[in-house]
Amino acid sequence: MFGKMFDKIKKSKETTEDSQSIYKDLVASWNITEMRAYLQNKNADFPMNVEGIDAIVERFAFQEKPSDKFPKGKRLLELNDNDVRVKKAFDVVVLLSSNLLLSLEGVEKLEKFRMLHEDVIEQFDKRNAQTYNHKLKDAIAQAIVMVEAKKGLEKRLDVSLNGAKTSTRT
């Protein structure tokens, strides 16, 4: 039984780079609704994993280089986007921030998303009497606490996320 588990761990270490690029390409083709379904673990074809979460976070934090059409660079959300699309994207960020598979780098990228889209958040809050600026800040703060607690637990139990080690307790 444990042999099969360790074989899977070894295989996953070998294919991590491959799966990261696969998920990055896959998530690039998804719309926000599909990302949300993935985060709610409703996508039977692609079970939720760390690579998928990282790919989604990367897409939210990505900004293209400035161009004539987009002087600040193209972002996931723009000021003229539909309010429904913007709300769905904000809800996905809140879902991401509460996901246990989120890493510290992922939390930093979510904060980058919030700062990058600050104008969109403010405009949406004013137009719709919402408080997403506050919700997103709180969600990211809770994500930081969750990641720190996860790392503290990992240290106490002397368990790495990549494989099991024996506990230091005797």
Foldseek 3Di string as FASTA:
>chain_A
DVVVVVVVLVVCVVCVVVVLVVLLVVVVPDALVVLVCQLVQNDPVDHDALSNLVSNLCLLLDFADADPVRNRGDHPDDQPDDLVSVVSVLVSLLSSLPDLSAAPVSLVSLVSSCVVCVVNQVVSCVVPVDDSNVSSVVSSVVSVVSNVVVVVVCVQQVQDPSGGDHGPDD
